[in-house]
Amino acid sequence: MFVCDILEERKRRQRINEEETEKLLRANLPVHHLKKNKYVNGKAVDRYLEDGISFINLDENAIKGFAKYLAVSATRQGSSDESYIINGINDALVGMSLEKPEKEIRIDGIDKSIDAVLKDHNRANIGHLFCKVVDGGGGHQDNVKDESLRFLDHASKQDDGLLRVCIVDGNYNWRKKENQYLGENVWLCDHQQFQKKLQKRYGVELKEIDETNPVENPLGEFFNAHTA
């Protein structure tokens, strides 16, 4: 079984973002190179430039300070978290797989498309997977809640026999709001519950995914993350 603490994974990625931004600042790169780097929030760079601040020849304290504000925020890289979870589950599955949809599958009122399709051992599509990561409430986190509930509402109105799963991991307190939508073919669960439910329903085998057998990335590079 694939098991992860996605909020700890997010903290780890934030440290990487800041460390890589520190390296870029020490290198005294031209601003346009700094802004193009995937670890740097270009909009944050522009905000400092508007105030007449230079990033050239900074001392070590200034580098560490600026890196915290210029690095891409891991909380705004939800698509990377979601891709990590989906790839981890896919690596654990034996006889089933999670794959990118051949064509984009969108739902009205939801910004992103379906993350993955679930395929059985005959390669037939048997489900749609929608994945979100939440850490508390307010602001962007409320948008995550609203999109998850819209997905479940949509799923509850379908009669095509497909399984529709909303995987939500992290820290949230709106679990009771979804009960009206759930059923045999509509699930809301975290990544571990999802794997256990697949075991119970389909008898699927699960490989152990750990440090000796790490998560691969068969669904492709992490989706583009938004920064602000």
C-alpha atoms as a PDB file:
ATOM      1  CA  MET A   1       0.000   0.000   0.000  1.00  0.00           C
ATOM      2  CA  PHE A   2       1.094   3.541  -0.717  1.00  0.00           C
ATOM      3  CA  VAL A   3       1.100   5.688   2.437  1.00  0.00           C
ATOM      4  CA  CYS A   4       2.186   9.304   2.754  1.00  0.00           C
ATOM      5  CA  ASP A   5       1.727  12.378   4.927  1.00  0.00           C
ATOM      6  CA  ILE A   6       1.067  14.849   2.152  1.00  0.00           C
ATOM      7  CA  LEU A   7       1.264  17.902   4.407  1.00  0.00           C
ATOM      8  CA  GLU A   8       4.748  16.835   5.535  1.00  0.00           C
ATOM      9  CA  GLU A   9       5.623  16.228   1.880  1.00  0.00           C
ATOM     10  CA  ARG A  10       4.465  19.761   1.158  1.00  0.00           C
ATOM     11  CA  LYS A  11       6.711  21.140   3.938  1.00  0.00           C
ATOM     12  CA  ARG A  12       9.638  19.193   2.471  1.00  0.00           C
ATOM     13  CA  ARG A  13       8.985  20.706  -0.947  1.00  0.00           C
ATOM     14  CA  GLN A  14       8.801  24.200   0.567  1.00  0.00           C
ATOM     15  CA  ARG A  15      12.256  23.714   2.056  1.00  0.00           C
ATOM     16  CA  ILE A  16      13.542  22.654  -1.359  1.00  0.00           C
ATOM     17  CA  ASN A  17      11.935  25.695  -3.028  1.00  0.00           C
ATOM     18  CA  GLU A  18      13.614  28.032  -0.549  1.00  0.00           C
ATOM     19  CA  GLU A  19      17.010  26.302  -0.682  1.00  0.00           C
ATOM     20  CA  GLU A  20      17.051  26.399  -4.491  1.00  0.00           C
ATOM     21  CA  THR A  21      16.031  30.065  -4.469  1.00  0.00           C
ATOM     22  CA  GLU A  22      18.910  30.794  -2.091  1.00  0.00           C
ATOM     23  CA  LYS A  23      21.322  29.205  -4.561  1.00  0.00           C
ATOM     24  CA  LEU A  24      19.946  31.361  -7.370  1.00  0.00           C
ATOM     25  CA  LEU A  25      20.318  34.543  -5.310  1.00  0.00           C
ATOM     26  CA  ARG A  26      23.925  33.675  -4.423  1.00  0.00           C
ATOM     27  CA  ALA A  27      24.668  33.243  -8.134  1.00  0.00           C
ATOM     28  CA  ASN A  28      23.695  36.897  -8.845  1.00  0.00           C
ATOM     29  CA  LEU A  29      21.702  35.899 -11.894  1.00  0.00           C
ATOM     30  CA  PRO A  30      20.022  38.505 -14.098  1.00  0.00           C
ATOM     31  CA  VAL A  31      16.443  39.135 -13.014  1.00  0.00           C
ATOM     32  CA  HIS A  32      14.909  37.545 -16.120  1.00  0.00           C
ATOM     33  CA  HIS A  33      16.734  34.270 -15.341  1.00  0.00           C
ATOM     34  CA  LEU A  34      15.599  34.441 -11.731  1.00  0.00           C
ATOM     35  CA  LYS A  35      11.957  34.921 -12.726  1.00  0.00           C
ATOM     36  CA  LYS A  36      11.973  32.005 -15.169  1.00  0.00           C
ATOM     37  CA  ASN A  37      13.181  29.454 -12.619  1.00  0.00           C
ATOM     38  CA  LYS A  38      10.541  26.970 -11.454  1.00  0.00           C
ATOM     39  CA  TYR A  39      11.439  27.492  -7.796  1.00  0.00           C
ATOM     40  CA  VAL A  40      10.858  31.253  -7.932  1.00  0.00           C
ATOM     41  CA  ASN A  41       7.594  33.184  -7.855  1.00  0.00           C
ATOM     42  CA  GLY A  42       8.094  35.703 -10.663  1.00  0.00           C
ATOM     43  CA  LYS A  43       5.255  37.915  -9.424  1.00  0.00           C
ATOM     44  CA  ALA A  44       6.972  38.252  -6.057  1.00  0.00           C
ATOM     45  CA  VAL A  45      10.186  39.295  -7.835  1.00  0.00           C
ATOM     46  CA  ASP A  46       8.248  41.985  -9.724  1.00  0.00           C
ATOM     47  CA  ARG A  47       6.743  43.323  -6.508  1.00  0.00           C
ATOM     48  CA  TYR A  48      10.211  43.850  -5.011  1.00  0.00           C
ATOM     49  CA  LEU A  49      11.543  45.367  -8.227  1.00  0.00           C
ATOM     50  CA  GLU A  50       8.706  47.919  -8.166  1.00  0.00           C
ATOM     51  CA  ASP A  51      10.047  49.060  -4.788  1.00  0.00           C
ATOM     52  CA  GLY A  52      13.519  49.533  -6.269  1.00  0.00           C
ATOM     53  CA  ILE A  53      15.080  46.535  -4.494  1.00  0.00           C
ATOM     54  CA  SER A  54      18.076  44.849  -6.126  1.00  0.00           C
ATOM     55  CA  PHE A  55      18.942  41.165  -5.772  1.00  0.00           C
ATOM     56  CA  ILE A  56      22.604  41.569  -6.682  1.00  0.00           C
ATOM     57  CA  ASN A  57      25.445  41.037  -4.159  1.00  0.00           C
ATOM     58  CA  LEU A  58      23.173  40.317  -1.205  1.00  0.00           C
ATOM     59  CA  ASP A  59      24.712  39.269   2.103  1.00  0.00           C
ATOM     60  CA  GLU A  60      23.842  35.855   3.553  1.00  0.00           C
ATOM     61  CA  ASN A  61      21.114  37.145   5.879  1.00  0.00           C
ATOM     62  CA  ALA A  62      19.424  39.014   3.048  1.00  0.00           C
ATOM     63  CA  ILE A  63      19.617  35.943   0.796  1.00  0.00           C
ATOM     64  CA  LYS A  64      17.891  33.760   3.368  1.00  0.00           C
ATOM     65  CA  GLY A  65      15.274  36.418   4.046  1.00  0.00           C
ATOM     66  CA  PHE A  66      14.456  37.120   0.409  1.00  0.00           C
ATOM     67  CA  ALA A  67      14.396  33.400  -0.438  1.00  0.00           C
ATOM     68  CA  LYS A  68      11.459  32.847   1.919  1.00  0.00           C
ATOM     69  CA  TYR A  69       9.432  35.494   0.105  1.00  0.00           C
ATOM     70  CA  LEU A  70      10.565  34.795  -3.452  1.00  0.00           C
ATOM     71  CA  ALA A  71      10.322  30.984  -3.415  1.00  0.00           C
ATOM     72  CA  VAL A  72       7.195  29.428  -4.872  1.00  0.00           C
ATOM     73  CA  SER A  73       4.779  28.612  -2.066  1.00  0.00           C
ATOM     74  CA  ALA A  74       4.226  24.869  -1.758  1.00  0.00           C
ATOM     75  CA  THR A  75       0.657  25.563  -0.628  1.00  0.00           C
ATOM     76  CA  ARG A  76       0.048  26.922  -4.132  1.00  0.00           C
ATOM     77  CA  GLN A  77       1.390  23.758  -5.780  1.00  0.00           C
ATOM     78  CA  GLY A  78      -1.643  21.602  -5.093  1.00  0.00           C
ATOM     79  CA  SER A  79      -1.350  19.932  -8.474  1.00  0.00           C
ATOM     80  CA  SER A  80       2.071  18.591  -7.488  1.00  0.00           C
ATOM     81  CA  ASP A  81       0.618  17.139  -4.287  1.00  0.00           C
ATOM     82  CA  GLU A  82      -2.256  15.572  -6.193  1.00  0.00           C
ATOM     83  CA  SER A  83       0.025  14.096  -8.833  1.00  0.00           C
ATOM     84  CA  TYR A  84       2.275  12.645  -6.113  1.00  0.00           C
ATOM     85  CA  ILE A  85      -0.718  10.918  -4.485  1.00  0.00           C
ATOM     86  CA  ILE A  86      -2.076   9.552  -7.760  1.00  0.00           C
ATOM     87  CA  ASN A  87       1.321   8.253  -8.867  1.00  0.00           C
ATOM     88  CA  GLY A  88       1.866   6.658  -5.460  1.00  0.00           C
ATOM     89  CA  ILE A  89      -1.445   4.815  -5.573  1.00  0.00           C
ATOM     90  CA  ASN A  90      -0.813   3.738  -9.152  1.00  0.00           C
ATOM     91  CA  ASP A  91       2.587   2.310  -8.203  1.00  0.00           C
ATOM     92  CA  ALA A  92       0.927   0.244  -5.466  1.00  0.00           C
ATOM     93  CA  LEU A  93      -1.852  -1.237  -7.620  1.00  0.00           C
ATOM     94  CA  VAL A  94      -1.492  -4.738  -9.051  1.00  0.00           C
ATOM     95  CA  GLY A  95      -3.884  -5.589 -11.872  1.00  0.00           C
ATOM     96  CA  MET A  96      -5.411  -2.109 -12.008  1.00  0.00           C
ATOM     97  CA  SER A  97      -4.007   1.274 -12.964  1.00  0.00           C
ATOM     98  CA  LEU A  98      -4.585   5.001 -12.778  1.00  0.00           C
ATOM     99  CA  GLU A  99      -3.913   6.812 -16.036  1.00  0.00           C
ATOM    100  CA  LYS A 100      -4.341  10.244 -17.523  1.00  0.00           C
ATOM    101  CA  PRO A 101      -7.605  10.527 -19.487  1.00  0.00           C
ATOM    102  CA  GLU A 102      -7.081  10.222 -23.227  1.00  0.00           C
ATOM    103  CA  LYS A 103      -9.155  13.395 -23.569  1.00  0.00           C
ATOM    104  CA  GLU A 104      -9.691  16.092 -20.974  1.00  0.00           C
ATOM    105  CA  ILE A 105     -12.777  15.410 -18.857  1.00  0.00           C
ATOM    106  CA  ARG A 106     -14.228  18.586 -17.376  1.00  0.00           C
ATOM    107  CA  ILE A 107     -17.177  19.243 -15.079  1.00  0.00           C
ATOM    108  CA  ASP A 108     -19.170  22.478 -15.061  1.00  0.00           C
ATOM    109  CA  GLY A 109     -18.221  24.791 -12.229  1.00  0.00           C
ATOM    110  CA  ILE A 110     -14.858  23.128 -11.570  1.00  0.00           C
ATOM    111  CA  ASP A 111     -11.615  24.729 -12.731  1.00  0.00           C
ATOM    112  CA  LYS A 112      -9.603  21.550 -13.204  1.00  0.00           C
ATOM    113  CA  SER A 113     -10.402  18.386 -15.130  1.00  0.00           C
ATOM    114  CA  ILE A 114     -10.545  14.795 -13.900  1.00  0.00           C
ATOM    115  CA  ASP A 115      -7.083  13.806 -12.658  1.00  0.00           C
ATOM    116  CA  ALA A 116      -7.056  10.138 -13.662  1.00  0.00           C
ATOM    117  CA  VAL A 117      -9.157   7.264 -14.940  1.00  0.00           C
ATOM    118  CA  LEU A 118      -9.195   3.916 -13.144  1.00  0.00           C
ATOM    119  CA  LYS A 119      -8.652   0.914 -15.420  1.00  0.00           C
ATOM    120  CA  ASP A 120      -9.173  -2.750 -14.628  1.00  0.00           C
ATOM    121  CA  HIS A 121      -6.998  -5.696 -15.672  1.00  0.00           C
ATOM    122  CA  ASN A 122      -8.675  -5.690 -19.104  1.00  0.00           C
ATOM    123  CA  ARG A 123      -7.726  -2.018 -19.601  1.00  0.00           C
ATOM    124  CA  ALA A 124     -11.382  -0.968 -19.448  1.00  0.00           C
ATOM    125  CA  ASN A 125     -12.222   2.389 -17.882  1.00  0.00           C
ATOM    126  CA  ILE A 126     -14.168   1.749 -14.692  1.00  0.00           C
ATOM    127  CA  GLY A 127     -13.845   5.038 -12.824  1.00  0.00           C
ATOM    128  CA  HIS A 128     -12.895   8.699 -12.643  1.00  0.00           C
ATOM    129  CA  LEU A 129     -10.597  10.087  -9.973  1.00  0.00           C
ATOM    130  CA  PHE A 130     -10.636  13.645  -8.636  1.00  0.00           C
ATOM    131  CA  CYS A 131      -7.901  14.457  -6.115  1.00  0.00           C
ATOM    132  CA  LYS A 132      -7.528  17.393  -3.731  1.00  0.00           C
ATOM    133  CA  VAL A 133      -5.289  18.335  -0.810  1.00  0.00           C
ATOM    134  CA  VAL A 134      -6.646  20.553   1.978  1.00  0.00           C
ATOM    135  CA  ASP A 135      -4.973  22.232   4.937  1.00  0.00           C
ATOM    136  CA  GLY A 136      -7.557  24.033   7.069  1.00  0.00           C
ATOM    137  CA  GLY A 137     -10.127  26.515   5.788  1.00  0.00           C
ATOM    138  CA  GLY A 138     -10.515  30.000   4.411  1.00  0.00           C
ATOM    139  CA  GLY A 139      -9.404  31.527   1.128  1.00  0.00           C
ATOM    140  CA  HIS A 140      -8.058  29.033  -1.389  1.00  0.00           C
ATOM    141  CA  GLN A 141      -8.864  26.119   0.931  1.00  0.00           C
ATOM    142  CA  ASP A 142     -12.569  26.975   0.739  1.00  0.00           C
ATOM    143  CA  ASN A 143     -12.291  26.810  -3.059  1.00  0.00           C
ATOM    144  CA  VAL A 144     -10.893  23.284  -2.670  1.00  0.00           C
ATOM    145  CA  LYS A 145     -13.885  22.337  -0.519  1.00  0.00           C
ATOM    146  CA  ASP A 146     -16.369  23.842  -2.992  1.00  0.00           C
ATOM    147  CA  GLU A 147     -14.827  22.038  -5.981  1.00  0.00           C
ATOM    148  CA  SER A 148     -14.787  18.722  -4.126  1.00  0.00           C
ATOM    149  CA  LEU A 149     -18.462  19.039  -3.208  1.00  0.00           C
ATOM    150  CA  ARG A 150     -19.360  20.055  -6.775  1.00  0.00           C
ATOM    151  CA  PHE A 151     -17.585  16.965  -8.049  1.00  0.00           C
ATOM    152  CA  LEU A 152     -19.533  14.755  -5.624  1.00  0.00           C
ATOM    153  CA  ASP A 153     -22.803  16.462  -6.567  1.00  0.00           C
ATOM    154  CA  HIS A 154     -22.068  15.811 -10.247  1.00  0.00           C
ATOM    155  CA  ALA A 155     -21.038  12.224  -9.522  1.00  0.00           C
ATOM    156  CA  SER A 156     -24.261  11.498  -7.631  1.00  0.00           C
ATOM    157  CA  LYS A 157     -26.320  12.428 -10.707  1.00  0.00           C
ATOM    158  CA  GLN A 158     -24.571  10.039 -13.137  1.00  0.00           C
ATOM    159  CA  ASP A 159     -26.039   6.646 -14.082  1.00  0.00           C
ATOM    160  CA  ASP A 160     -23.373   5.236 -16.403  1.00  0.00           C
ATOM    161  CA  GLY A 161     -22.049   2.677 -13.897  1.00  0.00           C
ATOM    162  CA  LEU A 162     -18.632   4.326 -13.564  1.00  0.00           C
ATOM    163  CA  LEU A 163     -17.061   4.638 -10.130  1.00  0.00           C
ATOM    164  CA  ARG A 164     -16.353   8.258  -9.210  1.00  0.00           C
ATOM    165  CA  VAL A 165     -13.910   8.956  -6.419  1.00  0.00           C
ATOM    166  CA  CYS A 166     -12.933  12.208  -4.734  1.00  0.00           C
ATOM    167  CA  ILE A 167      -9.694  11.663  -2.843  1.00  0.00           C
ATOM    168  CA  VAL A 168      -9.161  14.375  -0.249  1.00  0.00           C
ATOM    169  CA  ASP A 169      -6.032  14.311   1.900  1.00  0.00           C
ATOM    170  CA  GLY A 170      -4.817  16.687   4.564  1.00  0.00           C
ATOM    171  CA  ASN A 171      -6.546  18.571   7.352  1.00  0.00           C
ATOM    172  CA  TYR A 172     -10.215  19.537   6.917  1.00  0.00           C
ATOM    173  CA  ASN A 173     -13.470  19.525   8.898  1.00  0.00           C
ATOM    174  CA  TRP A 174     -16.273  19.371   6.334  1.00  0.00           C
ATOM    175  CA  ARG A 175     -16.603  15.586   6.074  1.00  0.00           C
ATOM    176  CA  LYS A 176     -20.312  15.554   7.041  1.00  0.00           C
ATOM    177  CA  LYS A 177     -21.321  17.825   4.167  1.00  0.00           C
ATOM    178  CA  GLU A 178     -20.753  15.126   1.562  1.00  0.00           C
ATOM    179  CA  ASN A 179     -22.980  12.374   2.977  1.00  0.00           C
ATOM    180  CA  GLN A 180     -25.928  13.315   0.749  1.00  0.00           C
ATOM    181  CA  TYR A 181     -23.864  12.554  -2.369  1.00  0.00           C
ATOM    182  CA  LEU A 182     -22.157   9.284  -1.452  1.00  0.00           C
ATOM    183  CA  GLY A 183     -23.215   5.850  -2.650  1.00  0.00           C
ATOM    184  CA  GLU A 184     -22.047   2.582  -4.154  1.00  0.00           C
ATOM    185  CA  ASN A 185     -20.348   4.362  -7.056  1.00  0.00           C
ATOM    186  CA  VAL A 186     -19.537   7.686  -5.382  1.00  0.00           C
ATOM    187  CA  TRP A 187     -16.735   7.712  -2.821  1.00  0.00           C
ATOM    188  CA  LEU A 188     -15.031  10.363  -0.731  1.00  0.00           C
ATOM    189  CA  CYS A 189     -11.902   9.069   0.987  1.00  0.00           C
ATOM    190  CA  ASP A 190      -8.244   9.689   1.645  1.00  0.00           C
ATOM    191  CA  HIS A 191      -5.524   7.857  -0.294  1.00  0.00           C
ATOM    192  CA  GLN A 192      -5.294   4.960   2.162  1.00  0.00           C
ATOM    193  CA  GLN A 193      -9.062   4.483   2.429  1.00  0.00           C
ATOM    194  CA  PHE A 194      -9.295   4.437  -1.363  1.00  0.00           C
ATOM    195  CA  GLN A 195      -6.805   1.594  -1.651  1.00  0.00           C
ATOM    196  CA  LYS A 196      -8.597  -0.398   1.057  1.00  0.00           C
ATOM    197  CA  LYS A 197     -11.943   0.124  -0.665  1.00  0.00           C
ATOM    198  CA  LEU A 198     -10.451  -1.115  -3.953  1.00  0.00           C
ATOM    199  CA  GLN A 199      -9.189  -4.200  -2.121  1.00  0.00           C
ATOM    200  CA  LYS A 200     -12.618  -4.887  -0.664  1.00  0.00           C
ATOM    201  CA  ARG A 201     -14.566  -4.263  -3.866  1.00  0.00           C
ATOM    202  CA  TYR A 202     -12.253  -5.690  -6.517  1.00  0.00           C
ATOM    203  CA  GLY A 203      -9.812  -7.848  -4.559  1.00  0.00           C
ATOM    204  CA  VAL A 204      -6.922  -5.809  -5.925  1.00  0.00           C
ATOM    205  CA  GLU A 205      -3.423  -6.556  -4.631  1.00  0.00           C
ATOM    206  CA  LEU A 206      -1.261  -3.757  -3.290  1.00  0.00           C
ATOM    207  CA  LYS A 207       2.521  -3.449  -3.352  1.00  0.00           C
ATOM    208  CA  GLU A 208       4.322  -1.687  -0.522  1.00  0.00           C
ATOM    209  CA  ILE A 209       5.608   1.723  -1.575  1.00  0.00           C
ATOM    210  CA  ASP A 210       8.321   3.019   0.737  1.00  0.00           C
ATOM    211  CA  GLU A 211      11.880   4.381   0.748  1.00  0.00           C
ATOM    212  CA  THR A 212      13.191   1.168  -0.824  1.00  0.00           C
ATOM    213  CA  ASN A 213      10.447   1.224  -3.466  1.00  0.00           C
ATOM    214  CA  PRO A 214       9.792   4.949  -4.012  1.00  0.00           C
ATOM    215  CA  VAL A 215       7.019   6.652  -5.951  1.00  0.00           C
ATOM    216  CA  GLU A 216       7.641   6.784  -9.681  1.00  0.00           C
ATOM    217  CA  ASN A 217       6.019   9.238 -12.064  1.00  0.00           C
ATOM    218  CA  PRO A 218       4.325   7.282 -14.881  1.00  0.00           C
ATOM    219  CA  LEU A 219       1.537   9.829 -15.342  1.00  0.00           C
ATOM    220  CA  GLY A 220       4.047  12.414 -16.491  1.00  0.00           C
ATOM    221  CA  GLU A 221       5.713  15.415 -14.945  1.00  0.00           C
ATOM    222  CA  PHE A 222       3.793  17.178 -12.172  1.00  0.00           C
ATOM    223  CA  PHE A 223       1.110  19.437 -13.594  1.00  0.00           C
ATOM    224  CA  ASN A 224       1.867  23.148 -13.741  1.00  0.00           C
ATOM    225  CA  ALA A 225       1.424  24.787 -10.333  1.00  0.00           C
ATOM    226  CA  HIS A 226      -0.073  28.228  -9.854  1.00  0.00           C
ATOM    227  CA  THR A 227       1.852  30.915  -8.017  1.00  0.00           C
ATOM    228  CA  ALA A 228       0.792  34.274  -6.607  1.00  0.00           C
END
